[in-house]
Amino acid sequence: MKVLLPSALRSYTGETQITAVGATLNELFAELERRYPGLRFRVVDEQNQLRPNMRIFVNGLGVRELDHALQPSDFVAIVLALSGG
């Protein structure tokens, strides 16, 4: 599947978009961690939850559950949510 990365994660991959595999988001992030050590920790916390400032979209649909099923043809966008006052 295709994975779009925010600029904050591109230092790990050197790419804007990569191809990866995984039957769930959890498996996808495990694969990304194997290939790009440290990347998963920027997106998923110690309790295996998405960090509050991260948003995941699968084919345009917002997803928060890491057990969300994925298909090889899916497009996953990892988005860093902006905050401030």
N, C-alpha and C. Protein backbone atom coordinates (compact mmCIF):
# COMPACT_ATOMS: atom_id res chain seq x y z
N MET A 1 0.84 -1.18 0.00
CA MET A 1 0.00 0.00 0.00
C MET A 1 0.88 1.23 0.00
N LYS A 2 0.31 2.33 -0.37
CA LYS A 2 1.04 3.59 -0.38
C LYS A 2 0.80 4.30 0.96
N VAL A 3 1.87 4.89 1.49
CA VAL A 3 1.81 5.60 2.77
C VAL A 3 2.38 6.99 2.57
N LEU A 4 1.57 8.00 2.85
CA LEU A 4 1.98 9.40 2.75
C LEU A 4 2.47 9.85 4.13
N LEU A 5 3.64 10.47 4.17
CA LEU A 5 4.25 10.87 5.44
C LEU A 5 4.27 12.38 5.60
N PRO A 6 4.03 12.88 6.82
CA PRO A 6 4.17 14.33 7.05
C PRO A 6 5.65 14.71 7.05
N SER A 7 5.92 15.97 6.88
CA SER A 7 7.31 16.42 6.82
C SER A 7 8.08 16.08 8.09
N ALA A 8 7.42 16.02 9.24
CA ALA A 8 8.09 15.70 10.50
C ALA A 8 8.65 14.29 10.53
N LEU A 9 8.14 13.39 9.69
CA LEU A 9 8.63 12.00 9.66
C LEU A 9 9.54 11.73 8.48
N ARG A 10 9.69 12.66 7.60
CA ARG A 10 10.50 12.43 6.40
C ARG A 10 11.98 12.30 6.70
N SER A 11 12.41 12.79 7.85
CA SER A 11 13.82 12.64 8.22
C SER A 11 14.17 11.16 8.43
N TYR A 12 13.16 10.33 8.74
CA TYR A 12 13.38 8.90 8.92
C TYR A 12 13.49 8.18 7.58
N THR A 13 12.69 8.60 6.61
CA THR A 13 12.59 7.86 5.35
C THR A 13 13.29 8.54 4.18
N GLY A 14 13.41 9.85 4.24
CA GLY A 14 13.93 10.59 3.10
C GLY A 14 12.94 10.67 1.95
N GLU A 15 11.71 10.25 2.19
CA GLU A 15 10.68 10.20 1.15
C GLU A 15 9.40 10.87 1.63
N THR A 16 8.62 11.37 0.69
CA THR A 16 7.30 11.90 0.98
C THR A 16 6.26 10.79 1.03
N GLN A 17 6.45 9.80 0.19
CA GLN A 17 5.52 8.67 0.09
C GLN A 17 6.33 7.39 -0.05
N ILE A 18 5.91 6.36 0.68
CA ILE A 18 6.59 5.07 0.62
C ILE A 18 5.57 3.97 0.37
N THR A 19 6.05 2.80 0.03
CA THR A 19 5.21 1.61 -0.13
C THR A 19 5.52 0.69 1.04
N ALA A 20 4.47 0.14 1.66
CA ALA A 20 4.65 -0.74 2.81
C ALA A 20 3.54 -1.79 2.81
N VAL A 21 3.67 -2.76 3.74
CA VAL A 21 2.67 -3.82 3.86
C VAL A 21 2.24 -3.94 5.32
N GLY A 22 1.07 -4.55 5.52
CA GLY A 22 0.53 -4.83 6.85
C GLY A 22 -0.95 -5.09 6.75
N ALA A 23 -1.43 -6.09 7.50
CA ALA A 23 -2.85 -6.43 7.49
C ALA A 23 -3.67 -5.48 8.37
N THR A 24 -2.98 -4.79 9.31
CA THR A 24 -3.62 -3.80 10.18
C THR A 24 -2.68 -2.60 10.29
N LEU A 25 -3.19 -1.52 10.86
CA LEU A 25 -2.32 -0.37 11.09
C LEU A 25 -1.18 -0.74 12.03
N ASN A 26 -1.46 -1.56 13.03
CA ASN A 26 -0.42 -2.00 13.96
C ASN A 26 0.70 -2.73 13.22
N GLU A 27 0.34 -3.62 12.31
CA GLU A 27 1.34 -4.34 11.52
C GLU A 27 2.08 -3.39 10.59
N LEU A 28 1.37 -2.44 10.03
CA LEU A 28 2.01 -1.45 9.16
C LEU A 28 3.07 -0.68 9.93
N PHE A 29 2.74 -0.22 11.15
CA PHE A 29 3.71 0.54 11.93
C PHE A 29 4.87 -0.33 12.41
N ALA A 30 4.62 -1.61 12.64
CA ALA A 30 5.71 -2.54 12.98
C ALA A 30 6.66 -2.66 11.79
N GLU A 31 6.11 -2.77 10.60
CA GLU A 31 6.93 -2.84 9.38
C GLU A 31 7.74 -1.56 9.19
N LEU A 32 7.09 -0.42 9.39
CA LEU A 32 7.80 0.85 9.25
C LEU A 32 8.90 0.99 10.29
N GLU A 33 8.67 0.49 11.49
CA GLU A 33 9.70 0.55 12.54
C GLU A 33 10.90 -0.33 12.18
N ARG A 34 10.65 -1.48 11.58
CA ARG A 34 11.76 -2.35 11.14
C ARG A 34 12.61 -1.65 10.08
N ARG A 35 11.94 -0.98 9.17
CA ARG A 35 12.65 -0.31 8.08
C ARG A 35 13.24 1.03 8.47
N TYR A 36 12.54 1.75 9.34
CA TYR A 36 12.93 3.11 9.73
C TYR A 36 12.86 3.23 11.26
N PRO A 37 13.86 2.73 11.96
CA PRO A 37 13.84 2.73 13.43
C PRO A 37 13.55 4.12 14.01
N GLY A 38 12.62 4.16 14.98
CA GLY A 38 12.24 5.40 15.64
C GLY A 38 10.97 6.02 15.09
N LEU A 39 10.58 5.66 13.88
CA LEU A 39 9.40 6.27 13.26
C LEU A 39 8.13 5.94 14.03
N ARG A 40 7.94 4.68 14.41
CA ARG A 40 6.70 4.27 15.10
C ARG A 40 6.50 5.07 16.38
N PHE A 41 7.57 5.28 17.15
CA PHE A 41 7.46 5.99 18.42
C PHE A 41 6.97 7.42 18.24
N ARG A 42 7.21 8.01 17.11
CA ARG A 42 6.72 9.37 16.83
C ARG A 42 5.22 9.39 16.59
N VAL A 43 4.64 8.22 16.23
CA VAL A 43 3.22 8.15 15.90
C VAL A 43 2.42 7.43 16.98
N VAL A 44 2.99 6.38 17.58
CA VAL A 44 2.31 5.53 18.55
C VAL A 44 3.03 5.64 19.89
N ASP A 45 2.25 5.82 20.98
CA ASP A 45 2.88 5.99 22.30
C ASP A 45 3.15 4.65 23.00
N GLU A 46 3.63 4.73 24.24
CA GLU A 46 4.00 3.55 25.01
C GLU A 46 2.81 2.66 25.35
N GLN A 47 1.60 3.20 25.33
CA GLN A 47 0.38 2.43 25.61
C GLN A 47 -0.24 1.87 24.32
N ASN A 48 0.52 1.91 23.24
CA ASN A 48 0.07 1.42 21.94
C ASN A 48 -1.17 2.16 21.44
N GLN A 49 -1.18 3.47 21.66
CA GLN A 49 -2.25 4.35 21.19
C GLN A 49 -1.63 5.39 20.26
N LEU A 50 -2.43 5.84 19.31
CA LEU A 50 -1.95 6.94 18.46
C LEU A 50 -1.73 8.17 19.32
N ARG A 51 -0.65 8.87 19.07
CA ARG A 51 -0.39 10.10 19.81
C ARG A 51 -1.49 11.12 19.47
N PRO A 52 -1.87 11.97 20.43
CA PRO A 52 -2.98 12.91 20.22
C PRO A 52 -2.78 13.85 19.02
N ASN A 53 -1.54 14.17 18.68
CA ASN A 53 -1.29 15.10 17.58
C ASN A 53 -1.19 14.42 16.23
N MET A 54 -1.39 13.10 16.18
CA MET A 54 -1.31 12.37 14.92
C MET A 54 -2.70 11.97 14.44
N ARG A 55 -2.90 12.05 13.15
CA ARG A 55 -4.14 11.62 12.51
C ARG A 55 -3.78 10.63 11.42
N ILE A 56 -4.57 9.57 11.30
CA ILE A 56 -4.36 8.57 10.26
C ILE A 56 -5.62 8.53 9.41
N PHE A 57 -5.43 8.58 8.10
CA PHE A 57 -6.54 8.47 7.16
C PHE A 57 -6.26 7.29 6.24
N VAL A 58 -7.23 6.40 6.14
CA VAL A 58 -7.15 5.25 5.24
C VAL A 58 -8.18 5.47 4.14
N ASN A 59 -7.69 5.68 2.93
CA ASN A 59 -8.56 5.99 1.79
C ASN A 59 -9.48 7.17 2.10
N GLY A 60 -8.95 8.17 2.82
CA GLY A 60 -9.70 9.38 3.12
C GLY A 60 -10.54 9.32 4.38
N LEU A 61 -10.64 8.16 5.03
CA LEU A 61 -11.46 8.00 6.24
C LEU A 61 -10.56 8.06 7.47
N GLY A 62 -10.88 8.94 8.42
CA GLY A 62 -10.11 9.05 9.65
C GLY A 62 -10.23 7.80 10.49
N VAL A 63 -9.10 7.30 10.97
CA VAL A 63 -9.06 6.06 11.75
C VAL A 63 -8.22 6.31 13.00
N ARG A 64 -8.65 5.81 14.16
CA ARG A 64 -7.88 5.94 15.41
C ARG A 64 -7.47 4.59 15.97
N GLU A 65 -8.08 3.49 15.51
CA GLU A 65 -7.80 2.17 16.06
C GLU A 65 -6.66 1.51 15.30
N LEU A 66 -5.64 1.06 16.03
CA LEU A 66 -4.50 0.42 15.38
C LEU A 66 -4.82 -0.97 14.86
N ASP A 67 -5.94 -1.56 15.28
CA ASP A 67 -6.34 -2.87 14.74
C ASP A 67 -7.20 -2.73 13.49
N HIS A 68 -7.30 -1.53 12.95
CA HIS A 68 -8.06 -1.30 11.71
C HIS A 68 -7.44 -2.12 10.57
N ALA A 69 -8.26 -2.91 9.90
CA ALA A 69 -7.79 -3.78 8.81
C ALA A 69 -7.40 -2.95 7.59
N LEU A 70 -6.33 -3.40 6.93
CA LEU A 70 -5.84 -2.74 5.72
C LEU A 70 -5.81 -3.72 4.56
N GLN A 71 -5.91 -3.17 3.36
CA GLN A 71 -5.81 -3.94 2.13
C GLN A 71 -4.57 -3.46 1.36
N PRO A 72 -3.97 -4.34 0.55
CA PRO A 72 -2.78 -3.93 -0.22
C PRO A 72 -3.00 -2.71 -1.12
N SER A 73 -4.24 -2.46 -1.52
CA SER A 73 -4.52 -1.34 -2.41
C SER A 73 -4.85 -0.04 -1.67
N ASP A 74 -4.81 -0.05 -0.33
CA ASP A 74 -5.17 1.12 0.46
C ASP A 74 -4.14 2.24 0.33
N PHE A 75 -4.60 3.46 0.58
CA PHE A 75 -3.75 4.63 0.65
C PHE A 75 -3.84 5.15 2.09
N VAL A 76 -2.74 5.13 2.80
CA VAL A 76 -2.70 5.56 4.20
C VAL A 76 -1.96 6.89 4.27
N ALA A 77 -2.61 7.87 4.85
CA ALA A 77 -2.00 9.19 5.04
C ALA A 77 -1.79 9.41 6.54
N ILE A 78 -0.55 9.67 6.93
CA ILE A 78 -0.22 10.01 8.30
C ILE A 78 -0.11 11.53 8.34
N VAL A 79 -0.91 12.16 9.19
CA VAL A 79 -0.99 13.61 9.20
C VAL A 79 -0.67 14.10 10.61
N LEU A 80 0.17 15.08 10.70
CA LEU A 80 0.49 15.73 11.97
C LEU A 80 -0.51 16.86 12.17
N ALA A 81 -1.33 16.74 13.22
CA ALA A 81 -2.33 17.78 13.49
C ALA A 81 -1.64 19.00 14.08
N LEU A 82 -2.03 20.16 13.64
CA LEU A 82 -1.48 21.41 14.15
C LEU A 82 -2.27 21.87 15.36
N SER A 83 -1.59 22.45 16.31
CA SER A 83 -2.27 22.99 17.47
C SER A 83 -1.61 24.30 17.86
N GLY A 84 -2.27 25.04 18.67
CA GLY A 84 -1.71 26.31 19.09
C GLY A 84 -2.81 27.26 19.50
N GLY A 85 -2.43 28.45 19.80
CA GLY A 85 -3.44 29.37 20.29
C GLY A 85 -3.37 30.70 19.67
